[in-house]
Amino acid sequence: MSEEQLRVFIRDFMVETVLTKTASSVSDDAGHIVILQSQLGELKETVVDQAHEIKWLRAQRSASGQLGEESNGRVSD
């Protein structure tokens, strides 16, 4: 094998190695993105549930006459 052929072989090998590692990394990142999307969906559901609970609690307080003054979106007792 000539020196030029060896250089080409090494270059091709390095390119293939980098591309393989990059593809693996992209695949891993895609997996992490799917997990994060799932967690974000769960978090969104939790926030929506808590918002509904807050509305319900405010309605209960208002109905029972225990609602304090509202200031800046916060209820004070």
Protein backbone atom coordinates (compact mmCIF):
# COMPACT_ATOMS: atom_id res chain seq x y z
CA MET A 1 0.00 0.00 0.00
CA SER A 2 1.46 3.32 -1.03
CA GLU A 3 1.70 6.29 1.30
CA GLU A 4 -1.07 8.08 -0.61
CA GLN A 5 -3.35 5.03 -0.38
CA LEU A 6 -2.65 4.84 3.34
CA ARG A 7 -3.53 8.52 3.78
CA VAL A 8 -6.79 8.04 1.87
CA PHE A 9 -7.61 4.93 3.92
CA ILE A 10 -6.94 6.74 7.22
CA ARG A 11 -8.92 9.78 6.11
CA ASP A 12 -11.88 7.64 5.02
CA PHE A 13 -11.72 5.67 8.26
CA MET A 14 -11.69 8.85 10.34
CA VAL A 15 -14.59 10.34 8.36
CA GLU A 16 -16.61 7.13 8.77
CA THR A 17 -15.83 7.04 12.50
CA VAL A 18 -16.89 10.67 12.98
CA LEU A 19 -20.08 10.15 10.96
CA THR A 20 -20.94 7.00 12.93
CA LYS A 21 -20.38 8.77 16.25
CA THR A 22 -22.38 11.78 15.04
CA ALA A 23 -25.26 9.58 13.92
CA SER A 24 -25.23 7.80 17.28
CA SER A 25 -25.17 11.13 19.10
CA VAL A 26 -28.07 12.46 17.02
CA SER A 27 -30.02 9.29 17.76
CA ASP A 28 -29.33 9.67 21.49
CA ASP A 29 -30.38 13.33 21.34
CA ALA A 30 -33.60 12.40 19.55
CA GLY A 31 -34.34 9.90 22.32
CA HIS A 32 -33.76 12.57 24.94
CA ILE A 33 -36.03 14.98 23.07
CA VAL A 34 -38.84 12.42 23.07
CA ILE A 35 -38.41 11.93 26.82
CA LEU A 36 -38.38 15.69 27.43
CA GLN A 37 -41.51 16.15 25.30
CA SER A 38 -43.27 13.52 27.37
CA GLN A 39 -42.18 15.17 30.62
CA LEU A 40 -43.28 18.56 29.30
CA GLY A 41 -46.71 17.12 28.46
CA GLU A 42 -47.02 15.72 31.99
CA LEU A 43 -45.94 19.05 33.47
CA LYS A 44 -48.51 20.89 31.36
CA GLU A 45 -51.25 18.54 32.61
CA THR A 46 -50.15 19.17 36.20
CA VAL A 47 -50.23 22.95 35.70
CA VAL A 48 -53.68 22.80 34.12
CA ASP A 49 -54.95 20.58 36.96
CA GLN A 50 -53.53 22.97 39.55
CA ALA A 51 -55.10 25.96 37.79
CA HIS A 52 -58.49 24.24 37.90
CA GLU A 53 -57.98 23.44 41.58
CA ILE A 54 -57.09 27.06 42.33
CA LYS A 55 -60.23 28.27 40.54
CA TRP A 56 -62.32 25.74 42.46
CA LEU A 57 -60.77 26.79 45.80
CA ARG A 58 -61.37 30.47 45.04
CA ALA A 59 -64.97 29.71 44.15
CA GLN A 60 -65.38 27.80 47.43
CA ARG A 61 -63.87 30.64 49.44
CA SER A 62 -66.02 33.18 47.64
CA ALA A 63 -69.16 31.13 48.21
CA SER A 64 -68.41 30.79 51.91
CA GLY A 65 -67.57 34.50 52.30
CA GLN A 66 -63.94 33.84 53.26
CA LEU A 67 -62.40 35.51 50.24
CA GLY A 68 -60.08 38.34 51.20
CA GLU A 69 -59.03 41.36 49.18
CA GLU A 70 -57.43 40.53 45.85
CA SER A 71 -54.23 42.38 45.06
CA ASN A 72 -52.04 41.74 42.02
CA GLY A 73 -53.77 38.44 41.34
CA ARG A 74 -53.11 37.11 44.84
CA VAL A 75 -55.70 36.42 47.46
CA SER A 76 -54.95 37.67 50.95
CA ASP A 77 -56.68 36.25 54.00
